[in-house]
Amino acid sequence: MEVEQSVKRHAALSGRLFLIIFWACSLERHGTEREHMTAFRLVGALFSLSLCLFAQGHASRLEGCPDPAKVARALKDLQQRKWVNLSPKDLDEIWPTALRGGGTCEPHCVLVISELRVIRDEIECGDAFHFETSQGSDGLWKTRLESVVIKYSTLGRQARDVAEEILLTSLRMGSDVKKDLGVATGSGRFRDITWTDSEPELRSCGLRLDHGRVNDHWLLIFDLSCNPNGDRPSVK
């Protein structure tokens, strides 16, 4: 994977840099002036290359796109909460990026969104949360989180797959989990996963993983939805 390979290259270079510095220190005591110059040129070259690789590893995330590890931690927290009666205000306390109202939808729902990276009117990184609203017997309106859609784009395909794996590992899936093998379409590949949560409430969940391209970048659409009372969600 691209991120892991970058880390391994950087670690290997750091090891070589350490050995050359040790050699250079030894030559400082016993070597000739020419050997001193050769050793310190090698130290300088390896140090520069190491810094370059380190910078490339950190620059691989597109500007505006969040750290997938932070999003994964928020997903884990979200799954540990009851979605019934969860409000947009509650979501603000969990989610790592700034959210805003995305308007209302029919017949009774509210959207909360973040548009973190938009290029040529295309959302490359962003989130959308769909809340169902209903009026209780006391006359008060209540909200229930129904779905979370995360769009995440990367420079390369392998980086996209790494981000997907990070998000996936944050979810706890029940023993009845069902996974398909995936279907390839003209715009990419998608897979569906379904399972039942028993804690902190009974709900059936579905996850669609969509792969595609946007503005020459590699796109992941992480579409999670859950229905209360064990009713199977309709995976789009």
C-alpha atoms as a PDB file:
ATOM      1  CA  MET A   1       0.000   0.000   0.000  1.00  0.00           C
ATOM      2  CA  GLU A   2       1.257   3.471  -0.862  1.00  0.00           C
ATOM      3  CA  VAL A   3       1.237   4.835   2.697  1.00  0.00           C
ATOM      4  CA  GLU A   4       2.932   1.751   4.149  1.00  0.00           C
ATOM      5  CA  GLN A   5       5.552   1.704   1.384  1.00  0.00           C
ATOM      6  CA  SER A   6       6.350   5.359   2.049  1.00  0.00           C
ATOM      7  CA  VAL A   7       6.806   4.659   5.760  1.00  0.00           C
ATOM      8  CA  LYS A   8       9.029   1.624   5.018  1.00  0.00           C
ATOM      9  CA  ARG A   9      11.197   3.616   2.577  1.00  0.00           C
ATOM     10  CA  HIS A  10      11.568   6.384   5.139  1.00  0.00           C
ATOM     11  CA  ALA A  11      12.501   3.899   7.882  1.00  0.00           C
ATOM     12  CA  ALA A  12      15.072   2.179   5.639  1.00  0.00           C
ATOM     13  CA  LEU A  13      16.677   5.493   4.740  1.00  0.00           C
ATOM     14  CA  SER A  14      16.745   6.535   8.396  1.00  0.00           C
ATOM     15  CA  GLY A  15      18.575   3.310   9.228  1.00  0.00           C
ATOM     16  CA  ARG A  16      21.140   3.894   6.493  1.00  0.00           C
ATOM     17  CA  LEU A  17      21.526   7.494   7.598  1.00  0.00           C
ATOM     18  CA  PHE A  18      22.290   6.334  11.142  1.00  0.00           C
ATOM     19  CA  LEU A  19      24.950   3.890   9.914  1.00  0.00           C
ATOM     20  CA  ILE A  20      26.618   6.531   7.734  1.00  0.00           C
ATOM     21  CA  ILE A  21      26.625   9.053  10.606  1.00  0.00           C
ATOM     22  CA  PHE A  22      28.259   6.396  12.802  1.00  0.00           C
ATOM     23  CA  TRP A  23      30.818   5.754  10.047  1.00  0.00           C
ATOM     24  CA  ALA A  24      31.425   9.489   9.652  1.00  0.00           C
ATOM     25  CA  CYS A  25      32.032   9.886  13.386  1.00  0.00           C
ATOM     26  CA  SER A  26      34.525   7.039  13.226  1.00  0.00           C
ATOM     27  CA  LEU A  27      36.321   8.665  10.296  1.00  0.00           C
ATOM     28  CA  GLU A  28      36.448  11.929  12.235  1.00  0.00           C
ATOM     29  CA  ARG A  29      38.875  10.205  14.561  1.00  0.00           C
ATOM     30  CA  HIS A  30      40.765   7.959  12.136  1.00  0.00           C
ATOM     31  CA  GLY A  31      40.031   8.896   8.488  1.00  0.00           C
ATOM     32  CA  THR A  32      41.652  11.203   5.977  1.00  0.00           C
ATOM     33  CA  GLU A  33      40.252  14.619   5.025  1.00  0.00           C
ATOM     34  CA  ARG A  34      38.994  13.234   1.689  1.00  0.00           C
ATOM     35  CA  GLU A  35      37.152  10.420   3.497  1.00  0.00           C
ATOM     36  CA  HIS A  36      35.620  13.025   5.836  1.00  0.00           C
ATOM     37  CA  MET A  37      34.234  14.997   2.873  1.00  0.00           C
ATOM     38  CA  THR A  38      32.847  11.848   1.160  1.00  0.00           C
ATOM     39  CA  ALA A  39      31.100  10.684   4.317  1.00  0.00           C
ATOM     40  CA  PHE A  40      29.454  14.013   5.085  1.00  0.00           C
ATOM     41  CA  ARG A  41      28.299  14.434   1.475  1.00  0.00           C
ATOM     42  CA  LEU A  42      26.579  11.044   1.751  1.00  0.00           C
ATOM     43  CA  VAL A  43      24.973  12.115   5.044  1.00  0.00           C
ATOM     44  CA  GLY A  44      23.675  15.297   3.443  1.00  0.00           C
ATOM     45  CA  ALA A  45      22.302  13.500   0.369  1.00  0.00           C
ATOM     46  CA  LEU A  46      20.510  10.822   2.383  1.00  0.00           C
ATOM     47  CA  PHE A  47      19.132  13.366   4.824  1.00  0.00           C
ATOM     48  CA  SER A  48      17.684  15.433   1.965  1.00  0.00           C
ATOM     49  CA  LEU A  49      16.138  12.356   0.322  1.00  0.00           C
ATOM     50  CA  SER A  50      14.648  11.243   3.646  1.00  0.00           C
ATOM     51  CA  LEU A  51      13.034  14.650   4.162  1.00  0.00           C
ATOM     52  CA  CYS A  52      11.666  14.563   0.610  1.00  0.00           C
ATOM     53  CA  LEU A  53      10.043  11.146   1.117  1.00  0.00           C
ATOM     54  CA  PHE A  54       8.630  12.242   4.469  1.00  0.00           C
ATOM     55  CA  ALA A  55       7.070  15.315   2.857  1.00  0.00           C
ATOM     56  CA  GLN A  56       5.610  13.238   0.028  1.00  0.00           C
ATOM     57  CA  GLY A  57       3.955  10.896   2.535  1.00  0.00           C
ATOM     58  CA  HIS A  58       2.228  13.799   4.279  1.00  0.00           C
ATOM     59  CA  ALA A  59       1.324  15.573   1.036  1.00  0.00           C
ATOM     60  CA  SER A  60      -0.472  12.486  -0.313  1.00  0.00           C
ATOM     61  CA  ARG A  61      -3.709  13.571   1.397  1.00  0.00           C
ATOM     62  CA  LEU A  62      -5.643  16.025  -0.754  1.00  0.00           C
ATOM     63  CA  GLU A  63      -5.958  19.530   0.645  1.00  0.00           C
ATOM     64  CA  GLY A  64      -9.158  19.901   2.637  1.00  0.00           C
ATOM     65  CA  CYS A  65      -9.682  16.169   3.119  1.00  0.00           C
ATOM     66  CA  PRO A  66      -9.599  15.049   6.780  1.00  0.00           C
ATOM     67  CA  ASP A  67      -7.448  12.401   8.380  1.00  0.00           C
ATOM     68  CA  PRO A  68      -9.414   9.152   7.834  1.00  0.00           C
ATOM     69  CA  ALA A  69      -8.290   7.935  11.275  1.00  0.00           C
ATOM     70  CA  LYS A  70     -10.140  10.852  12.918  1.00  0.00           C
ATOM     71  CA  VAL A  71     -13.258  10.110  10.862  1.00  0.00           C
ATOM     72  CA  ALA A  72     -12.985   6.434  11.850  1.00  0.00           C
ATOM     73  CA  ARG A  73     -12.885   7.337  15.551  1.00  0.00           C
ATOM     74  CA  ALA A  74     -16.001   9.468  15.102  1.00  0.00           C
ATOM     75  CA  LEU A  75     -17.762   6.595  13.279  1.00  0.00           C
ATOM     76  CA  LYS A  76     -16.917   4.263  16.153  1.00  0.00           C
ATOM     77  CA  ASP A  77     -18.346   6.745  18.662  1.00  0.00           C
ATOM     78  CA  LEU A  78     -21.439   7.219  16.520  1.00  0.00           C
ATOM     79  CA  GLN A  79     -22.107   3.482  16.326  1.00  0.00           C
ATOM     80  CA  GLN A  80     -21.924   3.244  20.118  1.00  0.00           C
ATOM     81  CA  ARG A  81     -24.802   5.717  20.471  1.00  0.00           C
ATOM     82  CA  LYS A  82     -28.530   5.289  20.009  1.00  0.00           C
ATOM     83  CA  TRP A  83     -29.572   6.750  16.679  1.00  0.00           C
ATOM     84  CA  VAL A  84     -33.139   7.093  17.889  1.00  0.00           C
ATOM     85  CA  ASN A  85     -33.517  10.651  19.224  1.00  0.00           C
ATOM     86  CA  LEU A  86     -29.980  11.568  18.079  1.00  0.00           C
ATOM     87  CA  SER A  87     -30.011  15.217  16.995  1.00  0.00           C
ATOM     88  CA  PRO A  88     -27.791  17.319  14.714  1.00  0.00           C
ATOM     89  CA  LYS A  89     -26.545  19.072  17.861  1.00  0.00           C
ATOM     90  CA  ASP A  90     -25.417  15.709  19.271  1.00  0.00           C
ATOM     91  CA  LEU A  91     -23.614  15.039  16.001  1.00  0.00           C
ATOM     92  CA  ASP A  92     -21.646  18.282  16.331  1.00  0.00           C
ATOM     93  CA  GLU A  93     -20.090  16.923  19.521  1.00  0.00           C
ATOM     94  CA  ILE A  94     -18.904  13.764  17.748  1.00  0.00           C
ATOM     95  CA  TRP A  95     -17.877  14.620  14.222  1.00  0.00           C
ATOM     96  CA  PRO A  96     -14.330  15.935  13.599  1.00  0.00           C
ATOM     97  CA  THR A  97     -15.234  18.399  10.813  1.00  0.00           C
ATOM     98  CA  ALA A  98     -17.478  21.470  10.734  1.00  0.00           C
ATOM     99  CA  LEU A  99     -21.097  20.715   9.790  1.00  0.00           C
ATOM    100  CA  ARG A 100     -23.904  22.928   8.542  1.00  0.00           C
ATOM    101  CA  GLY A 101     -27.547  22.573   7.723  1.00  0.00           C
ATOM    102  CA  GLY A 102     -28.211  21.163   4.290  1.00  0.00           C
ATOM    103  CA  GLY A 103     -31.909  22.011   4.228  1.00  0.00           C
ATOM    104  CA  THR A 104     -35.025  19.927   4.662  1.00  0.00           C
ATOM    105  CA  CYS A 105     -36.373  17.136   2.516  1.00  0.00           C
ATOM    106  CA  GLU A 106     -39.789  15.600   2.050  1.00  0.00           C
ATOM    107  CA  PRO A 107     -41.803  14.422   3.713  1.00  0.00           C
ATOM    108  CA  HIS A 108     -40.095  14.676   7.126  1.00  0.00           C
ATOM    109  CA  CYS A 109     -36.312  14.804   7.163  1.00  0.00           C
ATOM    110  CA  VAL A 110     -33.359  17.089   7.793  1.00  0.00           C
ATOM    111  CA  LEU A 111     -29.927  17.090   6.131  1.00  0.00           C
ATOM    112  CA  VAL A 112     -26.644  18.062   7.785  1.00  0.00           C
ATOM    113  CA  ILE A 113     -23.585  18.300   5.547  1.00  0.00           C
ATOM    114  CA  SER A 114     -19.944  19.251   5.265  1.00  0.00           C
ATOM    115  CA  GLU A 115     -18.323  20.111   1.952  1.00  0.00           C
ATOM    116  CA  LEU A 116     -14.627  19.969   2.735  1.00  0.00           C
ATOM    117  CA  ARG A 117     -13.148  19.862  -0.772  1.00  0.00           C
ATOM    118  CA  VAL A 118     -15.148  20.959  -3.801  1.00  0.00           C
ATOM    119  CA  ILE A 119     -13.392  21.186  -7.168  1.00  0.00           C
ATOM    120  CA  ARG A 120     -15.260  22.206 -10.322  1.00  0.00           C
ATOM    121  CA  ASP A 121     -18.611  21.772  -8.513  1.00  0.00           C
ATOM    122  CA  GLU A 122     -17.715  18.185  -7.566  1.00  0.00           C
ATOM    123  CA  ILE A 123     -17.498  17.180  -3.907  1.00  0.00           C
ATOM    124  CA  GLU A 124     -14.233  15.294  -3.532  1.00  0.00           C
ATOM    125  CA  CYS A 125     -14.349  15.109   0.268  1.00  0.00           C
ATOM    126  CA  GLY A 126     -17.437  15.707   2.374  1.00  0.00           C
ATOM    127  CA  ASP A 127     -20.132  14.181   4.548  1.00  0.00           C
ATOM    128  CA  ALA A 128     -23.932  14.081   4.538  1.00  0.00           C
ATOM    129  CA  PHE A 129     -26.179  13.011   7.432  1.00  0.00           C
ATOM    130  CA  HIS A 130     -29.852  12.221   6.904  1.00  0.00           C
ATOM    131  CA  PHE A 131     -32.201  12.618   9.886  1.00  0.00           C
ATOM    132  CA  GLU A 132     -35.809  11.467   9.951  1.00  0.00           C
ATOM    133  CA  THR A 133     -38.171  13.730  11.897  1.00  0.00           C
ATOM    134  CA  SER A 134     -41.403  12.748  13.603  1.00  0.00           C
ATOM    135  CA  GLN A 135     -43.859  14.291  16.030  1.00  0.00           C
ATOM    136  CA  GLY A 136     -44.239  12.508  19.336  1.00  0.00           C
ATOM    137  CA  SER A 137     -47.398  12.060  21.389  1.00  0.00           C
ATOM    138  CA  ASP A 138     -46.336  15.064  23.451  1.00  0.00           C
ATOM    139  CA  GLY A 139     -46.438  17.213  20.315  1.00  0.00           C
ATOM    140  CA  LEU A 140     -42.650  17.701  20.204  1.00  0.00           C
ATOM    141  CA  TRP A 141     -40.654  16.963  17.062  1.00  0.00           C
ATOM    142  CA  LYS A 142     -37.928  14.345  17.391  1.00  0.00           C
ATOM    143  CA  THR A 143     -35.065  13.395  15.090  1.00  0.00           C
ATOM    144  CA  ARG A 144     -33.492  10.026  14.316  1.00  0.00           C
ATOM    145  CA  LEU A 145     -30.265   9.577  12.411  1.00  0.00           C
ATOM    146  CA  GLU A 146     -30.905   7.330   9.429  1.00  0.00           C
ATOM    147  CA  SER A 147     -27.778   7.457   7.264  1.00  0.00           C
ATOM    148  CA  VAL A 148     -24.211   8.722   6.975  1.00  0.00           C
ATOM    149  CA  VAL A 149     -22.556   9.222   3.595  1.00  0.00           C
ATOM    150  CA  ILE A 150     -18.832   9.946   3.484  1.00  0.00           C
ATOM    151  CA  LYS A 151     -17.120  10.970   0.261  1.00  0.00           C
ATOM    152  CA  TYR A 152     -13.348  10.645   0.355  1.00  0.00           C
ATOM    153  CA  SER A 153     -10.960  11.196  -2.550  1.00  0.00           C
ATOM    154  CA  THR A 154      -7.258  10.449  -2.819  1.00  0.00           C
ATOM    155  CA  LEU A 155      -4.447  10.931  -5.316  1.00  0.00           C
ATOM    156  CA  GLY A 156      -4.037   7.192  -5.917  1.00  0.00           C
ATOM    157  CA  ARG A 157      -6.114   4.036  -5.863  1.00  0.00           C
ATOM    158  CA  GLN A 158      -4.097   2.362  -3.125  1.00  0.00           C
ATOM    159  CA  ALA A 159      -4.426   5.389  -0.838  1.00  0.00           C
ATOM    160  CA  ARG A 160      -8.204   5.221  -1.419  1.00  0.00           C
ATOM    161  CA  ASP A 161      -8.183   1.540  -0.414  1.00  0.00           C
ATOM    162  CA  VAL A 162      -6.182   2.354   2.732  1.00  0.00           C
ATOM    163  CA  ALA A 163      -8.747   5.002   3.727  1.00  0.00           C
ATOM    164  CA  GLU A 164     -11.570   2.508   3.129  1.00  0.00           C
ATOM    165  CA  GLU A 165      -9.917  -0.096   5.356  1.00  0.00           C
ATOM    166  CA  ILE A 166      -9.396   2.460   8.138  1.00  0.00           C
ATOM    167  CA  LEU A 167     -13.086   3.403   8.074  1.00  0.00           C
ATOM    168  CA  LEU A 168     -14.209  -0.233   7.872  1.00  0.00           C
ATOM    169  CA  THR A 169     -12.200  -1.343  10.892  1.00  0.00           C
ATOM    170  CA  SER A 170     -13.960   1.286  13.027  1.00  0.00           C
ATOM    171  CA  LEU A 171     -17.313  -0.499  12.665  1.00  0.00           C
ATOM    172  CA  ARG A 172     -18.445  -3.366  14.855  1.00  0.00           C
ATOM    173  CA  MET A 173     -20.495  -5.800  12.765  1.00  0.00           C
ATOM    174  CA  GLY A 174     -22.820  -8.435  14.179  1.00  0.00           C
ATOM    175  CA  SER A 175     -22.400 -12.197  13.838  1.00  0.00           C
ATOM    176  CA  ASP A 176     -25.052 -12.222  11.093  1.00  0.00           C
ATOM    177  CA  VAL A 177     -22.922 -10.052   8.807  1.00  0.00           C
ATOM    178  CA  LYS A 178     -23.376 -10.695   5.093  1.00  0.00           C
ATOM    179  CA  LYS A 179     -20.962  -9.494   2.428  1.00  0.00           C
ATOM    180  CA  ASP A 180     -21.203  -9.721  -1.328  1.00  0.00           C
ATOM    181  CA  LEU A 181     -18.246 -10.107  -3.648  1.00  0.00           C
ATOM    182  CA  GLY A 182     -18.797  -6.755  -5.293  1.00  0.00           C
ATOM    183  CA  VAL A 183     -19.963  -5.657  -8.712  1.00  0.00           C
ATOM    184  CA  ALA A 184     -17.941  -3.730 -11.283  1.00  0.00           C
ATOM    185  CA  THR A 185     -19.735  -0.952 -13.145  1.00  0.00           C
ATOM    186  CA  GLY A 186     -18.681   1.640 -15.696  1.00  0.00           C
ATOM    187  CA  SER A 187     -17.867   4.149 -12.947  1.00  0.00           C
ATOM    188  CA  GLY A 188     -16.164   1.717 -10.583  1.00  0.00           C
ATOM    189  CA  ARG A 189     -16.864  -1.102  -8.149  1.00  0.00           C
ATOM    190  CA  PHE A 190     -19.351  -1.383  -5.318  1.00  0.00           C
ATOM    191  CA  ARG A 191     -19.954  -3.828  -2.456  1.00  0.00           C
ATOM    192  CA  ASP A 192     -22.805  -4.239   0.021  1.00  0.00           C
ATOM    193  CA  ILE A 193     -22.495  -5.372   3.646  1.00  0.00           C
ATOM    194  CA  THR A 194     -25.433  -5.912   6.027  1.00  0.00           C
ATOM    195  CA  TRP A 195     -25.627  -6.863   9.711  1.00  0.00           C
ATOM    196  CA  THR A 196     -27.710  -6.367  12.861  1.00  0.00           C
ATOM    197  CA  ASP A 197     -26.684  -4.264  15.854  1.00  0.00           C
ATOM    198  CA  SER A 198     -28.064  -5.361  19.222  1.00  0.00           C
ATOM    199  CA  GLU A 199     -26.275  -2.678  21.263  1.00  0.00           C
ATOM    200  CA  PRO A 200     -26.873   0.099  22.177  1.00  0.00           C
ATOM    201  CA  GLU A 201     -30.210  -0.507  20.415  1.00  0.00           C
ATOM    202  CA  LEU A 202     -31.705  -3.039  18.039  1.00  0.00           C
ATOM    203  CA  ARG A 203     -31.182  -1.877  14.465  1.00  0.00           C
ATOM    204  CA  SER A 204     -30.304  -3.388  11.107  1.00  0.00           C
ATOM    205  CA  CYS A 205     -27.513  -1.708   9.204  1.00  0.00           C
ATOM    206  CA  GLY A 206     -26.348  -1.683   5.626  1.00  0.00           C
ATOM    207  CA  LEU A 207     -23.105  -0.374   4.196  1.00  0.00           C
ATOM    208  CA  ARG A 208     -22.428   0.309   0.532  1.00  0.00           C
ATOM    209  CA  LEU A 209     -18.851   0.865  -0.561  1.00  0.00           C
ATOM    210  CA  ASP A 210     -18.684   2.629  -3.914  1.00  0.00           C
ATOM    211  CA  HIS A 211     -15.514   3.205  -5.915  1.00  0.00           C
ATOM    212  CA  GLY A 212     -15.292   5.787  -8.676  1.00  0.00           C
ATOM    213  CA  ARG A 213     -13.306   8.676 -10.132  1.00  0.00           C
ATOM    214  CA  VAL A 214     -13.794  12.407  -9.721  1.00  0.00           C
ATOM    215  CA  ASN A 215     -11.569  15.090 -11.270  1.00  0.00           C
ATOM    216  CA  ASP A 216      -8.881  12.451 -11.972  1.00  0.00           C
ATOM    217  CA  HIS A 217      -8.849  11.427  -8.307  1.00  0.00           C
ATOM    218  CA  TRP A 218      -9.871   8.121  -6.729  1.00  0.00           C
ATOM    219  CA  LEU A 219     -13.197   8.351  -4.917  1.00  0.00           C
ATOM    220  CA  LEU A 220     -14.675   6.292  -2.088  1.00  0.00           C
ATOM    221  CA  ILE A 221     -18.342   6.665  -1.166  1.00  0.00           C
ATOM    222  CA  PHE A 222     -18.931   5.132   2.265  1.00  0.00           C
ATOM    223  CA  ASP A 223     -22.720   4.926   2.630  1.00  0.00           C
ATOM    224  CA  LEU A 224     -23.913   3.657   6.030  1.00  0.00           C
ATOM    225  CA  SER A 225     -27.603   3.419   6.963  1.00  0.00           C
ATOM    226  CA  CYS A 226     -29.417   1.844   9.909  1.00  0.00           C
ATOM    227  CA  ASN A 227     -33.092   1.176  10.609  1.00  0.00           C
ATOM    228  CA  PRO A 228     -34.574   0.631  14.068  1.00  0.00           C
ATOM    229  CA  ASN A 229     -36.409  -2.483  15.276  1.00  0.00           C
ATOM    230  CA  GLY A 230     -34.322  -4.808  13.137  1.00  0.00           C
ATOM    231  CA  ASP A 231     -35.878  -3.770   9.819  1.00  0.00           C
ATOM    232  CA  ARG A 232     -33.428  -4.293   6.983  1.00  0.00           C
ATOM    233  CA  PRO A 233     -32.289  -0.979   5.465  1.00  0.00           C
ATOM    234  CA  SER A 234     -32.603  -0.512   1.741  1.00  0.00           C
ATOM    235  CA  VAL A 235     -29.031  -0.259   0.433  1.00  0.00           C
ATOM    236  CA  LYS A 236     -29.107   2.063  -2.553  1.00  0.00           C
END
